[in-house]
Amino acid sequence: MTRTISKSKLKANMLRIFREIEESGEKLIVTDRNRPTLVIHPIKTKRKVDEVFAPYRGKMQILEEDINAPSSEDWEALQ
Protein backbone atom coordinates (compact mmCIF):
# COMPACT_ATOMS: atom_id res chain seq x y z
CA MET A 1 0.00 0.00 0.00
CA THR A 2 1.34 3.45 -0.92
CA ARG A 3 0.92 6.22 1.62
CA THR A 4 0.41 9.90 0.86
CA ILE A 5 1.44 12.89 2.93
CA SER A 6 1.38 16.66 2.47
CA LYS A 7 4.62 18.62 2.18
CA SER A 8 3.94 20.41 5.46
CA LYS A 9 3.40 17.16 7.41
CA LEU A 10 6.50 15.65 5.79
CA LYS A 11 8.59 18.65 6.81
CA ALA A 12 7.47 18.42 10.43
CA ASN A 13 8.16 14.66 10.71
CA MET A 14 10.79 14.02 8.05
CA LEU A 15 13.34 11.93 10.01
CA ARG A 16 10.69 9.70 11.56
CA ILE A 17 8.98 9.19 8.20
CA PHE A 18 12.27 8.45 6.42
CA ARG A 19 13.10 5.79 9.02
CA GLU A 20 9.65 4.21 8.55
CA ILE A 21 10.13 4.11 4.78
CA GLU A 22 13.59 2.53 5.15
CA GLU A 23 12.19 -0.22 7.38
CA SER A 24 8.95 -0.92 5.52
CA GLY A 25 10.26 -0.49 1.97
CA GLU A 26 7.01 1.15 0.87
CA LYS A 27 6.63 4.23 -1.32
CA LEU A 28 5.46 7.60 -0.06
CA ILE A 29 3.69 10.10 -2.30
CA VAL A 30 4.13 13.73 -1.28
CA THR A 31 1.32 16.13 -2.16
CA ASP A 32 1.15 19.89 -2.55
CA ARG A 33 -2.40 21.24 -2.25
CA ASN A 34 -3.75 17.68 -2.69
CA ARG A 35 -1.80 17.21 -5.95
CA PRO A 36 0.92 14.53 -6.08
CA THR A 37 4.33 16.11 -6.60
CA LEU A 38 6.97 13.65 -5.36
CA VAL A 39 7.50 9.96 -4.76
CA ILE A 40 9.92 8.86 -2.06
CA HIS A 41 11.07 5.24 -1.89
CA PRO A 42 14.08 3.43 -0.44
CA ILE A 43 16.94 2.30 -2.65
CA LYS A 44 17.06 -1.47 -2.84
CA THR A 45 20.49 -2.88 -2.20
CA LYS A 46 21.73 -5.83 -4.17
CA ARG A 47 22.30 -8.97 -2.16
CA LYS A 48 25.47 -11.01 -2.50
CA VAL A 49 25.29 -14.36 -4.28
CA ASP A 50 26.26 -16.22 -1.09
CA GLU A 51 23.41 -14.53 0.77
CA VAL A 52 20.84 -15.40 -1.91
CA PHE A 53 21.79 -19.08 -2.13
CA ALA A 54 22.57 -19.68 1.58
CA PRO A 55 19.25 -21.47 2.29
CA TYR A 56 19.99 -23.99 -0.48
CA ARG A 57 23.60 -24.76 0.47
CA GLY A 58 24.00 -28.51 0.95
CA LYS A 59 20.49 -29.25 -0.34
CA MET A 60 21.23 -29.32 -4.06
CA GLN A 61 23.18 -31.77 -6.16
CA ILE A 62 25.04 -30.96 -9.35
CA LEU A 63 24.95 -33.81 -11.85
CA GLU A 64 27.86 -34.20 -14.23
CA GLU A 65 25.76 -34.76 -17.33
CA ASP A 66 24.70 -32.61 -20.24
CA ILE A 67 21.40 -31.02 -19.24
CA ASN A 68 20.64 -30.28 -22.89
CA ALA A 69 20.93 -33.91 -23.97
CA PRO A 70 17.58 -35.65 -24.42
CA SER A 71 16.64 -38.18 -21.78
CA SER A 72 15.49 -41.71 -22.56
CA GLU A 73 11.93 -40.51 -21.88
CA ASP A 74 12.31 -37.87 -24.58
CA TRP A 75 13.48 -40.48 -27.09
CA GLU A 76 10.57 -42.77 -26.28
CA ALA A 77 8.10 -39.93 -26.80
CA LEU A 78 9.48 -39.34 -30.29
CA GLN A 79 8.99 -42.96 -31.42
PDB file of N, CA and C in Angstrom:
ATOM      1  N   MET A   1       0.845  -1.184   0.000  1.00  0.00           N
ATOM      2  CA  MET A   1       0.000   0.000   0.000  1.00  0.00           C
ATOM      3  C   MET A   1       0.885   1.239   0.000  1.00  0.00           C
ATOM      4  N   THR A   2       0.573   2.211  -0.827  1.00  0.00           N
ATOM      5  CA  THR A   2       1.335   3.445  -0.918  1.00  0.00           C
ATOM      6  C   THR A   2       0.654   4.521  -0.078  1.00  0.00           C
ATOM      7  N   ARG A   3       1.444   5.139   0.772  1.00  0.00           N
ATOM      8  CA  ARG A   3       0.918   6.218   1.622  1.00  0.00           C
ATOM      9  C   ARG A   3       1.072   7.555   0.928  1.00  0.00           C
ATOM     10  N   THR A   4       0.267   8.529   1.341  1.00  0.00           N
ATOM     11  CA  THR A   4       0.409   9.903   0.863  1.00  0.00           C
ATOM     12  C   THR A   4       0.545  10.814   2.072  1.00  0.00           C
ATOM     13  N   ILE A   5       1.244  11.917   1.862  1.00  0.00           N
ATOM     14  CA  ILE A   5       1.436  12.894   2.930  1.00  0.00           C
ATOM     15  C   ILE A   5       1.639  14.264   2.296  1.00  0.00           C
ATOM     16  N   SER A   6       1.193  15.294   2.979  1.00  0.00           N
ATOM     17  CA  SER A   6       1.377  16.655   2.466  1.00  0.00           C
ATOM     18  C   SER A   6       2.805  17.115   2.748  1.00  0.00           C
ATOM     19  N   LYS A   7       3.262  18.097   1.987  1.00  0.00           N
ATOM     20  CA  LYS A   7       4.617  18.623   2.184  1.00  0.00           C
ATOM     21  C   LYS A   7       4.804  19.152   3.603  1.00  0.00           C
ATOM     22  N   SER A   8       3.803  19.820   4.128  1.00  0.00           N
ATOM     23  CA  SER A   8       3.936  20.412   5.463  1.00  0.00           C
ATOM     24  C   SER A   8       4.068  19.331   6.543  1.00  0.00           C
ATOM     25  N   LYS A   9       3.285  18.249   6.434  1.00  0.00           N
ATOM     26  CA  LYS A   9       3.404  17.159   7.411  1.00  0.00           C
ATOM     27  C   LYS A   9       4.734  16.433   7.256  1.00  0.00           C
ATOM     28  N   LEU A  10       5.200  16.283   6.017  1.00  0.00           N
ATOM     29  CA  LEU A  10       6.502  15.651   5.790  1.00  0.00           C
ATOM     30  C   LEU A  10       7.612  16.462   6.428  1.00  0.00           C
ATOM     31  N   LYS A  11       7.559  17.770   6.250  1.00  0.00           N
ATOM     32  CA  LYS A  11       8.594  18.652   6.808  1.00  0.00           C
ATOM     33  C   LYS A  11       8.653  18.538   8.323  1.00  0.00           C
ATOM     34  N   ALA A  12       7.510  18.468   8.964  1.00  0.00           N
ATOM     35  CA  ALA A  12       7.465  18.418  10.427  1.00  0.00           C
ATOM     36  C   ALA A  12       7.938  17.078  10.987  1.00  0.00           C
ATOM     37  N   ASN A  13       7.829  16.003  10.211  1.00  0.00           N
ATOM     38  CA  ASN A  13       8.156  14.657  10.709  1.00  0.00           C
ATOM     39  C   ASN A  13       9.134  13.902   9.806  1.00  0.00           C
ATOM     40  N   MET A  14       9.982  14.616   9.098  1.00  0.00           N
ATOM     41  CA  MET A  14      10.791  14.015   8.051  1.00  0.00           C
ATOM     42  C   MET A  14      11.664  12.848   8.518  1.00  0.00           C
ATOM     43  N   LEU A  15      12.444  12.996   9.567  1.00  0.00           N
ATOM     44  CA  LEU A  15      13.336  11.928  10.011  1.00  0.00           C
ATOM     45  C   LEU A  15      12.571  10.666  10.401  1.00  0.00           C
ATOM     46  N   ARG A  16      11.496  10.851  11.150  1.00  0.00           N
ATOM     47  CA  ARG A  16      10.688   9.699  11.557  1.00  0.00           C
ATOM     48  C   ARG A  16      10.106   8.991  10.338  1.00  0.00           C
ATOM     49  N   ILE A  17       9.589   9.753   9.400  1.00  0.00           N
ATOM     50  CA  ILE A  17       8.979   9.186   8.202  1.00  0.00           C
ATOM     51  C   ILE A  17      10.023   8.485   7.343  1.00  0.00           C
ATOM     52  N   PHE A  18      11.211   9.090   7.197  1.00  0.00           N
ATOM     53  CA  PHE A  18      12.272   8.450   6.417  1.00  0.00           C
ATOM     54  C   PHE A  18      12.662   7.117   7.033  1.00  0.00           C
ATOM     55  N   ARG A  19      12.747   7.056   8.347  1.00  0.00           N
ATOM     56  CA  ARG A  19      13.095   5.793   9.016  1.00  0.00           C
ATOM     57  C   ARG A  19      12.010   4.735   8.775  1.00  0.00           C
ATOM     58  N   GLU A  20      10.753   5.146   8.811  1.00  0.00           N
ATOM     59  CA  GLU A  20       9.647   4.209   8.549  1.00  0.00           C
ATOM     60  C   GLU A  20       9.717   3.656   7.125  1.00  0.00           C
ATOM     61  N   ILE A  21      10.031   4.526   6.176  1.00  0.00           N
ATOM     62  CA  ILE A  21      10.132   4.106   4.776  1.00  0.00           C
ATOM     63  C   ILE A  21      11.294   3.133   4.599  1.00  0.00           C
ATOM     64  N   GLU A  22      12.421   3.422   5.241  1.00  0.00           N
ATOM     65  CA  GLU A  22      13.585   2.533   5.151  1.00  0.00           C
ATOM     66  C   GLU A  22      13.257   1.143   5.678  1.00  0.00           C
ATOM     67  N   GLU A  23      12.526   1.078   6.774  1.00  0.00           N
ATOM     68  CA  GLU A  23      12.188  -0.216   7.380  1.00  0.00           C
ATOM     69  C   GLU A  23      11.109  -0.965   6.600  1.00  0.00           C
ATOM     70  N   SER A  24      10.079  -0.257   6.175  1.00  0.00           N
ATOM     71  CA  SER A  24       8.948  -0.924   5.516  1.00  0.00           C
ATOM     72  C   SER A  24       9.199  -1.187   4.035  1.00  0.00           C
ATOM     73  N   GLY A  25       9.997  -0.344   3.400  1.00  0.00           N
ATOM     74  CA  GLY A  25      10.257  -0.495   1.971  1.00  0.00           C
ATOM     75  C   GLY A  25       9.151   0.047   1.082  1.00  0.00           C
ATOM     76  N   GLU A  26       8.129   0.660   1.677  1.00  0.00           N
ATOM     77  CA  GLU A  26       7.012   1.150   0.871  1.00  0.00           C
ATOM     78  C   GLU A  26       7.286   2.545   0.313  1.00  0.00           C
ATOM     79  N   LYS A  27       6.525   2.908  -0.709  1.00  0.00           N
ATOM     80  CA  LYS A  27       6.629   4.231  -1.318  1.00  0.00           C
ATOM     81  C   LYS A  27       5.819   5.242  -0.522  1.00  0.00           C
ATOM     82  N   LEU A  28       6.200   6.507  -0.666  1.00  0.00           N
ATOM     83  CA  LEU A  28       5.456   7.602  -0.056  1.00  0.00           C
ATOM     84  C   LEU A  28       5.241   8.660  -1.131  1.00  0.00           C
ATOM     85  N   ILE A  29       4.001   9.046  -1.346  1.00  0.00           N
ATOM     86  CA  ILE A  29       3.685  10.099  -2.302  1.00  0.00           C
ATOM     87  C   ILE A  29       3.484  11.393  -1.523  1.00  0.00           C
ATOM     88  N   VAL A  30       4.215  12.430  -1.932  1.00  0.00           N
ATOM     89  CA  VAL A  30       4.127  13.734  -1.281  1.00  0.00           C
ATOM     90  C   VAL A  30       3.224  14.625  -2.128  1.00  0.00           C
ATOM     91  N   THR A  31       2.282  15.276  -1.451  1.00  0.00           N
ATOM     92  CA  THR A  31       1.322  16.127  -2.163  1.00  0.00           C
ATOM     93  C   THR A  31       1.540  17.594  -1.818  1.00  0.00           C
ATOM     94  N   ASP A  32       1.143  18.437  -2.752  1.00  0.00           N
ATOM     95  CA  ASP A  32       1.149  19.885  -2.553  1.00  0.00           C
ATOM     96  C   ASP A  32      -0.229  20.369  -2.981  1.00  0.00           C
ATOM     97  N   ARG A  33      -1.014  20.823  -2.013  1.00  0.00           N
ATOM     98  CA  ARG A  33      -2.404  21.239  -2.255  1.00  0.00           C
ATOM     99  C   ARG A  33      -3.205  20.086  -2.879  1.00  0.00           C
ATOM    100  N   ASN A  34      -3.047  18.908  -2.285  1.00  0.00           N
ATOM    101  CA  ASN A  34      -3.747  17.682  -2.694  1.00  0.00           C
ATOM    102  C   ASN A  34      -3.380  17.193  -4.104  1.00  0.00           C
ATOM    103  N   ARG A  35      -2.261  17.665  -4.634  1.00  0.00           N
ATOM    104  CA  ARG A  35      -1.802  17.213  -5.947  1.00  0.00           C
ATOM    105  C   ARG A  35      -0.475  16.487  -5.761  1.00  0.00           C
ATOM    106  N   PRO A  36      -0.340  15.261  -6.240  1.00  0.00           N
ATOM    107  CA  PRO A  36       0.918  14.528  -6.081  1.00  0.00           C
ATOM    108  C   PRO A  36       2.069  15.260  -6.767  1.00  0.00           C
ATOM    109  N   THR A  37       3.178  15.412  -6.047  1.00  0.00           N
ATOM    110  CA  THR A  37       4.332  16.113  -6.604  1.00  0.00           C
ATOM    111  C   THR A  37       5.623  15.291  -6.540  1.00  0.00           C
ATOM    112  N   LEU A  38       5.752  14.430  -5.542  1.00  0.00           N
ATOM    113  CA  LEU A  38       6.973  13.645  -5.359  1.00  0.00           C
ATOM    114  C   LEU A  38       6.647  12.218  -4.958  1.00  0.00           C
ATOM    115  N   VAL A  39       7.574  11.326  -5.266  1.00  0.00           N
ATOM    116  CA  VAL A  39       7.497   9.960  -4.763  1.00  0.00           C
ATOM    117  C   VAL A  39       8.817   9.684  -4.051  1.00  0.00           C
ATOM    118  N   ILE A  40       8.724   9.205  -2.833  1.00  0.00           N
ATOM    119  CA  ILE A  40       9.917   8.857  -2.057  1.00  0.00           C
ATOM    120  C   ILE A  40       9.882   7.350  -1.831  1.00  0.00           C
ATOM    121  N   HIS A  41      10.990   6.683  -2.139  1.00  0.00           N
ATOM    122  CA  HIS A  41      11.073   5.241  -1.888  1.00  0.00           C
ATOM    123  C   HIS A  41      12.522   4.884  -1.565  1.00  0.00           C
ATOM    124  N   PRO A  42      12.717   3.822  -0.794  1.00  0.00           N
ATOM    125  CA  PRO A  42      14.080   3.432  -0.438  1.00  0.00           C
ATOM    126  C   PRO A  42      14.804   2.814  -1.633  1.00  0.00           C
ATOM    127  N   ILE A  43      16.117   2.931  -1.621  1.00  0.00           N
ATOM    128  CA  ILE A  43      16.941   2.305  -2.647  1.00  0.00           C
ATOM    129  C   ILE A  43      17.164   0.863  -2.234  1.00  0.00           C
ATOM    130  N   LYS A  44      16.867  -0.057  -3.144  1.00  0.00           N
ATOM    131  CA  LYS A  44      17.062  -1.472  -2.844  1.00  0.00           C
ATOM    132  C   LYS A  44      18.525  -1.822  -3.056  1.00  0.00           C
ATOM    133  N   THR A  45      19.102  -2.466  -2.070  1.00  0.00           N
ATOM    134  CA  THR A  45      20.491  -2.882  -2.200  1.00  0.00           C
ATOM    135  C   THR A  45      20.550  -4.283  -2.789  1.00  0.00           C
ATOM    136  N   LYS A  46      21.564  -4.506  -3.581  1.00  0.00           N
ATOM    137  CA  LYS A  46      21.732  -5.831  -4.169  1.00  0.00           C
ATOM    138  C   LYS A  46      22.319  -6.764  -3.122  1.00  0.00           C
ATOM    139  N   ARG A  47      21.795  -7.972  -3.092  1.00  0.00           N
ATOM    140  CA  ARG A  47      22.298  -8.969  -2.158  1.00  0.00           C
ATOM    141  C   ARG A  47      23.425  -9.747  -2.809  1.00  0.00           C
ATOM    142  N   LYS A  48      24.358 -10.212  -1.997  1.00  0.00           N
ATOM    143  CA  LYS A  48      25.472 -11.006  -2.503  1.00  0.00           C
ATOM    144  C   LYS A  48      24.980 -12.396  -2.876  1.00  0.00           C
ATOM    145  N   VAL A  49      25.676 -13.027  -3.800  1.00  0.00           N
ATOM    146  CA  VAL A  49      25.293 -14.359  -4.281  1.00  0.00           C
ATOM    147  C   VAL A  49      25.247 -15.348  -3.118  1.00  0.00           C
ATOM    148  N   ASP A  50      26.242 -15.302  -2.240  1.00  0.00           N
ATOM    149  CA  ASP A  50      26.263 -16.217  -1.093  1.00  0.00           C
ATOM    150  C   ASP A  50      25.031 -16.041  -0.213  1.00  0.00           C
ATOM    151  N   GLU A  51      24.586 -14.817  -0.061  1.00  0.00           N
ATOM    152  CA  GLU A  51      23.412 -14.530   0.767  1.00  0.00           C
ATOM    153  C   GLU A  51      22.131 -15.073   0.121  1.00  0.00           C
ATOM    154  N   VAL A  52      22.027 -14.941  -1.197  1.00  0.00           N
ATOM    155  CA  VAL A  52      20.838 -15.397  -1.912  1.00  0.00           C
ATOM    156  C   VAL A  52      20.713 -16.918  -1.862  1.00  0.00           C
ATOM    157  N   PHE A  53      21.839 -17.621  -2.048  1.00  0.00           N
ATOM    158  CA  PHE A  53      21.793 -19.076  -2.133  1.00  0.00           C
ATOM    159  C   PHE A  53      22.065 -19.790  -0.812  1.00  0.00           C
ATOM    160  N   ALA A  54      22.271 -19.067   0.272  1.00  0.00           N
ATOM    161  CA  ALA A  54      22.573 -19.676   1.576  1.00  0.00           C
ATOM    162  C   ALA A  54      21.528 -20.711   2.012  1.00  0.00           C
ATOM    163  N   PRO A  55      20.228 -20.472   1.853  1.00  0.00           N
ATOM    164  CA  PRO A  55      19.247 -21.473   2.292  1.00  0.00           C
ATOM    165  C   PRO A  55      19.326 -22.794   1.529  1.00  0.00           C
ATOM    166  N   TYR A  56      19.936 -22.788   0.346  1.00  0.00           N
ATOM    167  CA  TYR A  56      19.992 -23.991  -0.482  1.00  0.00           C
ATOM    168  C   TYR A  56      21.322 -24.734  -0.379  1.00  0.00           C
ATOM    169  N   ARG A  57      22.279 -24.146   0.342  1.00  0.00           N
ATOM    170  CA  ARG A  57      23.598 -24.758   0.468  1.00  0.00           C
ATOM    171  C   ARG A  57      23.472 -26.148   1.106  1.00  0.00           C
ATOM    172  N   GLY A  58      24.044 -27.140   0.447  1.00  0.00           N
ATOM    173  CA  GLY A  58      24.002 -28.511   0.946  1.00  0.00           C
ATOM    174  C   GLY A  58      22.719 -29.263   0.615  1.00  0.00           C
ATOM    175  N   LYS A  59      21.766 -28.614  -0.020  1.00  0.00           N
ATOM    176  CA  LYS A  59      20.487 -29.248  -0.339  1.00  0.00           C
ATOM    177  C   LYS A  59      20.345 -29.553  -1.825  1.00  0.00           C
ATOM    178  N   MET A  60      21.314 -29.118  -2.616  1.00  0.00           N
ATOM    179  CA  MET A  60      21.232 -29.321  -4.059  1.00  0.00           C
ATOM    180  C   MET A  60      22.380 -30.220  -4.508  1.00  0.00           C
ATOM    181  N   GLN A  61      22.169 -30.872  -5.620  1.00  0.00           N
ATOM    182  CA  GLN A  61      23.175 -31.775  -6.158  1.00  0.00           C
ATOM    183  C   GLN A  61      23.422 -31.406  -7.615  1.00  0.00           C
ATOM    184  N   ILE A  62      24.682 -31.270  -7.978  1.00  0.00           N
ATOM    185  CA  ILE A  62      25.038 -30.958  -9.353  1.00  0.00           C
ATOM    186  C   ILE A  62      25.402 -32.266 -10.034  1.00  0.00           C
ATOM    187  N   LEU A  63      24.692 -32.582 -11.099  1.00  0.00           N
ATOM    188  CA  LEU A  63      24.951 -33.808 -11.850  1.00  0.00           C
ATOM    189  C   LEU A  63      25.927 -33.503 -12.974  1.00  0.00           C
ATOM    190  N   GLU A  64      26.847 -34.400 -13.208  1.00  0.00           N
ATOM    191  CA  GLU A  64      27.865 -34.204 -14.233  1.00  0.00           C
ATOM    192  C   GLU A  64      27.399 -34.759 -15.568  1.00  0.00           C
ATOM    193  N   GLU A  65      26.254 -34.321 -16.030  1.00  0.00           N
ATOM    194  CA  GLU A  65      25.760 -34.755 -17.327  1.00  0.00           C
ATOM    195  C   GLU A  65      25.267 -33.550 -18.099  1.00  0.00           C
ATOM    196  N   ASP A  66      25.136 -33.700 -19.378  1.00  0.00           N
ATOM    197  CA  ASP A  66      24.696 -32.614 -20.236  1.00  0.00           C
ATOM    198  C   ASP A  66      23.195 -32.403 -20.046  1.00  0.00           C
ATOM    199  N   ILE A  67      22.824 -31.261 -19.492  1.00  0.00           N
ATOM    200  CA  ILE A  67      21.399 -31.023 -19.235  1.00  0.00           C
ATOM    201  C   ILE A  67      20.613 -30.770 -20.514  1.00  0.00           C
ATOM    202  N   ASN A  68      21.319 -30.500 -21.607  1.00  0.00           N
ATOM    203  CA  ASN A  68      20.643 -30.279 -22.887  1.00  0.00           C
ATOM    204  C   ASN A  68      20.442 -31.563 -23.681  1.00  0.00           C
ATOM    205  N   ALA A  69      21.079 -32.637 -23.262  1.00  0.00           N
ATOM    206  CA  ALA A  69      20.930 -33.910 -23.969  1.00  0.00           C
ATOM    207  C   ALA A  69      19.552 -34.486 -23.670  1.00  0.00           C
ATOM    208  N   PRO A  70      18.911 -35.074 -24.665  1.00  0.00           N
ATOM    209  CA  PRO A  70      17.580 -35.650 -24.419  1.00  0.00           C
ATOM    210  C   PRO A  70      17.672 -36.872 -23.508  1.00  0.00           C
ATOM    211  N   SER A  71      16.688 -37.022 -22.669  1.00  0.00           N
ATOM    212  CA  SER A  71      16.645 -38.178 -21.779  1.00  0.00           C
ATOM    213  C   SER A  71      16.028 -39.352 -22.522  1.00  0.00           C
ATOM    214  N   SER A  72      16.085 -40.528 -21.915  1.00  0.00           N
ATOM    215  CA  SER A  72      15.492 -41.710 -22.561  1.00  0.00           C
ATOM    216  C   SER A  72      13.978 -41.513 -22.706  1.00  0.00           C
ATOM    217  N   GLU A  73      13.361 -40.796 -21.787  1.00  0.00           N
ATOM    218  CA  GLU A  73      11.930 -40.511 -21.881  1.00  0.00           C
ATOM    219  C   GLU A  73      11.622 -39.667 -23.108  1.00  0.00           C
ATOM    220  N   ASP A  74      12.506 -38.706 -23.403  1.00  0.00           N
ATOM    221  CA  ASP A  74      12.309 -37.873 -24.580  1.00  0.00           C
ATOM    222  C   ASP A  74      12.381 -38.697 -25.854  1.00  0.00           C
ATOM    223  N   TRP A  75      13.337 -39.639 -25.908  1.00  0.00           N
ATOM    224  CA  TRP A  75      13.485 -40.481 -27.093  1.00  0.00           C
ATOM    225  C   TRP A  75      12.259 -41.376 -27.267  1.00  0.00           C
ATOM    226  N   GLU A  76      11.743 -41.888 -26.186  1.00  0.00           N
ATOM    227  CA  GLU A  76      10.569 -42.766 -26.275  1.00  0.00           C
ATOM    228  C   GLU A  76       9.351 -42.007 -26.785  1.00  0.00           C
ATOM    229  N   ALA A  77       9.236 -40.746 -26.377  1.00  0.00           N
ATOM    230  CA  ALA A  77       8.102 -39.933 -26.801  1.00  0.00           C
ATOM    231  C   ALA A  77       8.140 -39.655 -28.299  1.00  0.00           C
ATOM    232  N   LEU A  78       9.337 -39.627 -28.869  1.00  0.00           N
ATOM    233  CA  LEU A  78       9.482 -39.342 -30.291  1.00  0.00           C
ATOM    234  C   LEU A  78       9.163 -40.557 -31.165  1.00  0.00           C
ATOM    235  N   GLN A  79       9.198 -41.748 -30.609  1.00  0.00           N
ATOM    236  CA  GLN A  79       8.990 -42.962 -31.425  1.00  0.00           C
ATOM    237  C   GLN A  79       7.535 -43.263 -31.625  1.00  0.00           C
TER     238      GLN A  79
END
